[in-house]
Structures are given as structure tokens and as C-alpha cells.
C-alpha atoms as a PDB file:
ATOM      1  CA  MET A   1      14.865-256.317 -56.100  1.00  0.00           C
ATOM      2  CA  ASN A   2      15.985-257.298 -52.653  1.00  0.00           C
ATOM      3  CA  ILE A   3      19.273-259.058 -52.059  1.00  0.00           C
ATOM      4  CA  GLY A   4      18.386-261.429 -49.244  1.00  0.00           C
ATOM      5  CA  LEU A   5      21.605-263.059 -48.095  1.00  0.00           C
ATOM      6  CA  ALA A   6      22.019-264.199 -44.481  1.00  0.00           C
ATOM      7  CA  PHE A   7      25.583-265.619 -44.695  1.00  0.00           C
ATOM      8  CA  PRO A   8      24.975-268.508 -42.244  1.00  0.00           C
ATOM      9  CA  GLU A   9      28.119-270.260 -43.475  1.00  0.00           C
ATOM     10  CA  VAL A  10      30.303-267.380 -42.195  1.00  0.00           C
ATOM     11  CA  LYS A  11      31.202-268.414 -38.653  1.00  0.00           C
ATOM     12  CA  ASP A  12      33.038-265.232 -37.663  1.00  0.00           C
ATOM     13  CA  HIS A  13      30.394-262.925 -36.183  1.00  0.00           C
ATOM     14  CA  ALA A  14      32.186-259.639 -37.082  1.00  0.00           C
ATOM     15  CA  THR A  15      32.668-260.714 -40.720  1.00  0.00           C
ATOM     16  CA  ARG A  16      29.054-261.897 -40.996  1.00  0.00           C
ATOM     17  CA  GLU A  17      27.784-258.559 -39.599  1.00  0.00           C
ATOM     18  CA  ALA A  18      30.006-256.605 -42.013  1.00  0.00           C
ATOM     19  CA  LEU A  19      28.578-258.588 -44.960  1.00  0.00           C
ATOM     20  CA  VAL A  20      25.037-257.982 -43.735  1.00  0.00           C
ATOM     21  CA  ARG A  21      25.737-254.215 -43.550  1.00  0.00           C
ATOM     22  CA  VAL A  22      27.125-254.218 -47.133  1.00  0.00           C
ATOM     23  CA  VAL A  23      24.089-256.076 -48.476  1.00  0.00           C
ATOM     24  CA  SER A  24      21.756-253.806 -46.507  1.00  0.00           C
ATOM     25  CA  GLY A  25      23.470-250.758 -48.011  1.00  0.00           C
ATOM     26  CA  LEU A  26      23.120-252.213 -51.512  1.00  0.00           C
ATOM     27  CA  ASN A  27      19.436-252.883 -50.939  1.00  0.00           C
ATOM     28  CA  ALA A  28      18.852-249.341 -49.650  1.00  0.00           C
ATOM     29  CA  GLY A  29      20.641-247.748 -52.620  1.00  0.00           C
ATOM     30  CA  TYR A  30      19.044-250.024 -55.179  1.00  0.00           C
ATOM     31  CA  GLY A  31      15.552-249.313 -53.908  1.00  0.00           C
ATOM     32  CA  VAL A  32      15.967-245.557 -54.282  1.00  0.00           C
ATOM     33  CA  GLN A  33      15.968-245.581 -58.081  1.00  0.00           C
ATOM     34  CA  HIS A  34      14.222-248.866 -58.866  1.00  0.00           C
ATOM     35  CA  ASN A  35      10.633-249.950 -58.626  1.00  0.00           C
ATOM     36  CA  ALA A  36       9.552-253.226 -56.987  1.00  0.00           C
ATOM     37  CA  ASN A  37       9.401-254.867 -60.450  1.00  0.00           C
ATOM     38  CA  ASP A  38      13.078-253.957 -61.176  1.00  0.00           C
ATOM     39  CA  THR A  39      12.205-251.167 -63.643  1.00  0.00           C
ATOM     40  CA  HIS A  40      13.814-247.783 -63.121  1.00  0.00           C
ATOM     41  CA  GLY A  41      12.044-245.155 -61.102  1.00  0.00           C
ATOM     42  CA  THR A  42      13.492-241.667 -60.821  1.00  0.00           C
ATOM     43  CA  ILE A  43      17.153-241.632 -61.798  1.00  0.00           C
ATOM     44  CA  THR A  44      19.563-239.203 -60.200  1.00  0.00           C
ATOM     45  CA  ALA A  45      23.019-238.778 -61.677  1.00  0.00           C
ATOM     46  CA  THR A  46      25.892-236.639 -60.511  1.00  0.00           C
ATOM     47  CA  GLY A  47      27.579-236.912 -63.919  1.00  0.00           C
ATOM     48  CA  SER A  48      26.407-236.924 -67.510  1.00  0.00           C
ATOM     49  CA  ILE A  49      24.110-239.509 -69.075  1.00  0.00           C
ATOM     50  CA  ALA A  50      24.553-240.863 -72.598  1.00  0.00           C
ATOM     51  CA  GLU A  51      21.601-242.464 -74.351  1.00  0.00           C
ATOM     52  CA  ARG A  52      20.866-244.486 -77.481  1.00  0.00           C
ATOM     53  CA  LYS A  53      24.501-245.631 -77.830  1.00  0.00           C
ATOM     54  CA  ARG A  54      25.606-242.019 -78.376  1.00  0.00           C
ATOM     55  CA  THR A  55      29.049-240.899 -77.258  1.00  0.00           C
ATOM     56  CA  VAL A  56      27.952-237.321 -76.508  1.00  0.00           C
ATOM     57  CA  PRO A  57      26.039-236.912 -73.231  1.00  0.00           C
ATOM     58  CA  MET A  58      22.313-236.191 -73.475  1.00  0.00           C
ATOM     59  CA  GLY A  59      21.688-232.455 -73.775  1.00  0.00           C
ATOM     60  CA  ALA A  60      25.342-231.557 -74.412  1.00  0.00           C
ATOM     61  CA  TRP A  61      25.761-229.143 -77.322  1.00  0.00           C
ATOM     62  CA  SER A  62      27.937-230.143 -80.286  1.00  0.00           C
ATOM     63  CA  ASN A  63      29.566-227.623 -82.594  1.00  0.00           C
ATOM     64  CA  VAL A  64      29.131-228.211 -86.315  1.00  0.00           C
ATOM     65  CA  ALA A  65      32.474-227.887 -88.078  1.00  0.00           C
ATOM     66  CA  PHE A  66      32.414-225.318 -90.833  1.00  0.00           C
ATOM     67  CA  SER A  67      31.742-226.551 -94.341  1.00  0.00           C
ATOM     68  CA  ALA A  68      30.806-224.190 -97.168  1.00  0.00           C
ATOM     69  CA  SER A  69      28.618-226.956 -98.597  1.00  0.00           C
ATOM     70  CA  ASN A  70      26.255-226.622 -95.602  1.00  0.00           C
ATOM     71  CA  TYR A  71      25.002-223.332 -97.089  1.00  0.00           C
ATOM     72  CA  THR A  72      22.972-223.360-100.306  1.00  0.00           C
ATOM     73  CA  ALA A  73      20.129-221.451-101.947  1.00  0.00           C
ATOM     74  CA  THR A  74      17.456-221.972-104.585  1.00  0.00           C
ATOM     75  CA  GLY A  75      18.600-220.654-107.971  1.00  0.00           C
ATOM     76  CA  THR A  76      21.665-218.839-106.648  1.00  0.00           C
ATOM     77  CA  THR A  77      24.415-219.117-104.023  1.00  0.00           C
ATOM     78  CA  TRP A  78      24.649-218.451-100.326  1.00  0.00           C
ATOM     79  CA  THR A  79      28.290-217.942 -99.429  1.00  0.00           C
ATOM     80  CA  VAL A  80      29.376-218.264 -95.824  1.00  0.00           C
ATOM     81  CA  THR A  81      32.992-218.315 -94.642  1.00  0.00           C
ATOM     82  CA  ALA A  82      34.324-220.008 -91.511  1.00  0.00           C
ATOM     83  CA  ALA A  83      34.613-216.622 -89.785  1.00  0.00           C
ATOM     84  CA  GLN A  84      31.007-215.781 -90.647  1.00  0.00           C
ATOM     85  CA  GLN A  85      29.717-218.989 -89.038  1.00  0.00           C
ATOM     86  CA  VAL A  86      29.786-217.539 -85.525  1.00  0.00           C
ATOM     87  CA  THR A  87      27.554-220.271 -84.058  1.00  0.00           C
ATOM     88  CA  LEU A  88      26.223-223.501 -85.487  1.00  0.00           C
ATOM     89  CA  LYS A  89      25.404-226.031 -82.766  1.00  0.00           C
ATOM     90  CA  TYR A  90      22.953-228.778 -82.013  1.00  0.00           C
ATOM     91  CA  THR A  91      21.939-231.043 -79.187  1.00  0.00           C
ATOM     92  CA  LEU A  92      19.953-234.262 -79.123  1.00  0.00           C
ATOM     93  CA  ILE A  93      17.658-235.299 -76.305  1.00  0.00           C
ATOM     94  CA  GLY A  94      15.998-238.564 -77.193  1.00  0.00           C
ATOM     95  CA  THR A  95      14.649-237.948 -80.692  1.00  0.00           C
ATOM     96  CA  THR A  96      14.419-234.170 -80.281  1.00  0.00           C
ATOM     97  CA  LEU A  97      16.999-232.144 -82.200  1.00  0.00           C
ATOM     98  CA  LEU A  98      17.610-228.545 -81.152  1.00  0.00           C
ATOM     99  CA  VAL A  99      19.623-226.339 -83.500  1.00  0.00           C
ATOM    100  CA  THR A 100      20.939-222.834 -82.927  1.00  0.00           C
ATOM    101  CA  PHE A 101      22.876-220.716 -85.410  1.00  0.00           C
ATOM    102  CA  TYR A 102      24.293-217.234 -85.947  1.00  0.00           C
ATOM    103  CA  ILE A 103      25.726-216.321 -89.351  1.00  0.00           C
ATOM    104  CA  ASN A 104      27.289-212.848 -89.553  1.00  0.00           C
ATOM    105  CA  THR A 105      27.506-210.821 -92.789  1.00  0.00           C
ATOM    106  CA  SER A 106      27.183-213.613 -95.354  1.00  0.00           C
ATOM    107  CA  THR A 107      26.670-213.179 -99.110  1.00  0.00           C
ATOM    108  CA  VAL A 108      23.583-214.067-101.131  1.00  0.00           C
ATOM    109  CA  GLY A 109      24.507-214.223-104.842  1.00  0.00           C
ATOM    110  CA  GLY A 110      21.096-213.351-106.270  1.00  0.00           C
ATOM    111  CA  ALA A 111      17.506-212.800-105.290  1.00  0.00           C
ATOM    112  CA  THR A 112      15.995-215.941-103.767  1.00  0.00           C
ATOM    113  CA  ALA A 113      13.323-216.744-101.220  1.00  0.00           C
ATOM    114  CA  ASN A 114      14.967-219.923 -99.939  1.00  0.00           C
ATOM    115  CA  LEU A 115      18.257-220.356 -98.134  1.00  0.00           C
ATOM    116  CA  PHE A 116      19.223-223.820 -96.879  1.00  0.00           C
ATOM    117  CA  LEU A 117      21.335-224.810 -93.889  1.00  0.00           C
ATOM    118  CA  THR A 118      22.324-228.493 -93.767  1.00  0.00           C
ATOM    119  CA  LEU A 119      23.479-230.285 -90.636  1.00  0.00           C
ATOM    120  CA  PRO A 120      25.861-233.255 -90.835  1.00  0.00           C
ATOM    121  CA  LEU A 121      23.622-235.869 -89.184  1.00  0.00           C
ATOM    122  CA  ASN A 122      22.159-239.091 -90.474  1.00  0.00           C
ATOM    123  CA  ALA A 123      18.664-238.033 -89.438  1.00  0.00           C
ATOM    124  CA  ALA A 124      15.422-236.768 -90.935  1.00  0.00           C
ATOM    125  CA  ALA A 125      12.637-234.621 -89.537  1.00  0.00           C
ATOM    126  CA  THR A 126       9.641-236.831 -88.693  1.00  0.00           C
ATOM    127  CA  VAL A 127       7.161-233.946 -88.813  1.00  0.00           C
ATOM    128  CA  THR A 128       7.193-230.535 -90.443  1.00  0.00           C
ATOM    129  CA  ALA A 129       8.313-228.043 -87.810  1.00  0.00           C
ATOM    130  CA  TYR A 130       8.748-224.281 -87.746  1.00  0.00           C
ATOM    131  CA  GLY A 131      11.055-221.997 -85.816  1.00  0.00           C
ATOM    132  CA  THR A 132      11.941-218.335 -85.988  1.00  0.00           C
ATOM    133  CA  CYS A 133      15.000-216.415 -86.973  1.00  0.00           C
ATOM    134  CA  VAL A 134      15.973-212.786 -86.855  1.00  0.00           C
ATOM    135  CA  TYR A 135      17.857-211.153 -89.676  1.00  0.00           C
ATOM    136  CA  ASP A 136      19.545-208.020 -90.900  1.00  0.00           C
ATOM    137  CA  ASP A 137      19.341-208.248 -94.684  1.00  0.00           C
ATOM    138  CA  ASN A 138      21.312-205.402 -96.210  1.00  0.00           C
ATOM    139  CA  ALA A 139      20.198-203.017 -93.386  1.00  0.00           C
ATOM    140  CA  THR A 140      16.581-204.291 -93.370  1.00  0.00           C
ATOM    141  CA  ARG A 141      15.780-206.024 -90.104  1.00  0.00           C
ATOM    142  CA  GLY A 142      13.006-208.505 -89.490  1.00  0.00           C
ATOM    143  CA  THR A 143      11.826-211.843 -88.169  1.00  0.00           C
ATOM    144  CA  GLY A 144      11.832-214.803 -90.510  1.00  0.00           C
ATOM    145  CA  VAL A 145      10.880-218.465 -90.556  1.00  0.00           C
ATOM    146  CA  ILE A 146      12.920-221.660 -90.193  1.00  0.00           C
ATOM    147  CA  LEU A 147      11.340-224.758 -91.716  1.00  0.00           C
ATOM    148  CA  ALA A 148      12.417-228.324 -90.950  1.00  0.00           C
ATOM    149  CA  ALA A 149      10.585-230.393 -93.565  1.00  0.00           C
ATOM    150  CA  THR A 150      10.104-234.149 -93.613  1.00  0.00           C
ATOM    151  CA  GLY A 151      11.765-236.279 -96.234  1.00  0.00           C
ATOM    152  CA  THR A 152      15.256-234.779 -96.152  1.00  0.00           C
ATOM    153  CA  THR A 153      18.212-236.473 -94.508  1.00  0.00           C
ATOM    154  CA  SER A 154      21.044-234.631 -92.780  1.00  0.00           C
ATOM    155  CA  PRO A 155      18.398-232.188 -91.577  1.00  0.00           C
ATOM    156  CA  GLN A 156      18.173-229.366 -94.038  1.00  0.00           C
ATOM    157  CA  LEU A 157      16.656-226.214 -92.623  1.00  0.00           C
ATOM    158  CA  LYS A 158      14.953-223.810 -95.001  1.00  0.00           C
ATOM    159  CA  LEU A 159      15.316-220.144 -94.020  1.00  0.00           C
ATOM    160  CA  MET A 160      12.663-217.769 -95.367  1.00  0.00           C
ATOM    161  CA  LYS A 161      11.615-214.181 -94.737  1.00  0.00           C
ATOM    162  CA  ASP A 162       7.943-215.188 -94.514  1.00  0.00           C
ATOM    163  CA  ILE A 163       6.018-218.410 -93.964  1.00  0.00           C
ATOM    164  CA  ALA A 164       4.879-218.558 -97.590  1.00  0.00           C
ATOM    165  CA  GLY A 165       8.419-218.200 -98.925  1.00  0.00           C
ATOM    166  CA  SER A 166       7.282-215.344-101.147  1.00  0.00           C
ATOM    167  CA  VAL A 167       9.746-212.610-100.120  1.00  0.00           C
ATOM    168  CA  ASN A 168      13.292-212.697-101.512  1.00  0.00           C
ATOM    169  CA  TRP A 169      16.522-212.260 -99.627  1.00  0.00           C
ATOM    170  CA  SER A 170      18.605-209.386-101.024  1.00  0.00           C
ATOM    171  CA  ASN A 171      21.360-209.920-103.549  1.00  0.00           C
ATOM    172  CA  SER A 172      24.064-208.571-101.243  1.00  0.00           C
ATOM    173  CA  ALA A 173      27.062-209.279 -99.067  1.00  0.00           C
ATOM    174  CA  ALA A 174      25.274-208.134 -95.933  1.00  0.00           C
ATOM    175  CA  LEU A 175      23.012-210.891 -94.575  1.00  0.00           C
ATOM    176  CA  THR A 176      23.243-211.594 -90.857  1.00  0.00           C
ATOM    177  CA  ILE A 177      20.837-214.237 -89.605  1.00  0.00           C
ATOM    178  CA  ALA A 178      20.349-216.068 -86.301  1.00  0.00           C
ATOM    179  CA  GLY A 179      17.755-218.529 -85.096  1.00  0.00           C
ATOM    180  CA  GLN A 180      16.789-221.602 -83.178  1.00  0.00           C
ATOM    181  CA  ILE A 181      14.499-224.548 -83.869  1.00  0.00           C
ATOM    182  CA  ALA A 182      13.552-227.823 -82.197  1.00  0.00           C
ATOM    183  CA  PHE A 183      12.031-230.790 -84.012  1.00  0.00           C
ATOM    184  CA  GLU A 184      11.677-234.553 -83.860  1.00  0.00           C
ATOM    185  CA  VAL A 185      14.084-236.650 -85.929  1.00  0.00           C
ATOM    186  CA  SER A 186      14.528-240.286 -86.860  1.00  0.00           C
ATOM    187  CA  GLY A 187      17.439-242.254 -88.238  1.00  0.00           C
ATOM    188  CA  SER A 188      20.673-243.558 -86.793  1.00  0.00           C
ATOM    189  CA  ILE A 189      21.488-240.561 -84.643  1.00  0.00           C
END
């Protein structure tokens, strides 16, 4: 876009020249981040950018408030207290959800292969995605699997010791687990 104003009706030469300089400055600035067809080119911002009618800036991390109901297990309980939820955060960039968590010394009420961590978002994974976690399960350390499966809302992450979900977590009050996963989501997020 080019603002092409000549201001012939302004008789005062100094005023007309000042207006021409303002319009010229607008044209120069506009052209930097816009293409000739008025679409955006490269955008440079000195502050944050919010997208998709979100109130949180793109890429800014949001803490998930503690809720015991965010922690469940198949056939038993997974008990986490507010103090044990050291980190539970997420960020959204477009339709990509990144989640990071660190749960320190939680309690698993019985042998189970599946622990579930639910995030309070109105979103669902669009594809099955995997991430990794590290754990200390009753003094046994290892690397486990995080699964974000399609078909669940308020993204529910499944935490397993192995990709097949065939190894049980210990029945103990000594599970520390931390991990990170990124996956595509849909819904009103």
C-alpha cells in the first residue's frame, strides 16, 4: 500500500511539507513489514504477540494450578500434593502445545502401568504423539514414555515406563517423574 497524498489544498508551504514528511514516513514504515499486495511480510515486534484471540502472548508459559484430580491411574490411585507438583506448565504456539512437568515424591496406590496427567484446556491432540520422561520409581531410575493420544479432551497425557505399557509403576510413596512433550491440538484454545 502506498499513501499518495499531495495536499494541494494546503496553501502554507511549511505545513504542506510537514504533511508530506509524515505521509512519507508512514509509507516507509508500512512497506517494511507489508508486501505490495497488502499481506504481511516479515513482522518484527518489540513486545509480545497474542494470536488466535488468546490473552496470553504466543510462547509465554502458563502455570497449571494444582488440582489433585489432574492425577489419575488405571486401576489404582496416583496421589500428588500441591508441594509435590514442582512444575506443571504449558505454552501454545499456533496449534502446538508444549508441556513440561516435574512431580517430586508422589504416591502410587497400587501396581499399574498407566499414570495419567490431565491439563485444564479445552483441546484435544490431533495426532498421537510421544515424548520422554525420566523417573525415580522407589530408587529405580529410568527413562519412560509420555503419550498424547487422540480423542481425549483437556489433553490427558499417559505416562508409562515403556512404549508398550507393559511395565508397572511401583506401589510406593516414592515416585519422582519429569518430562516434556510437544504435540498438535485442536479445539477452542
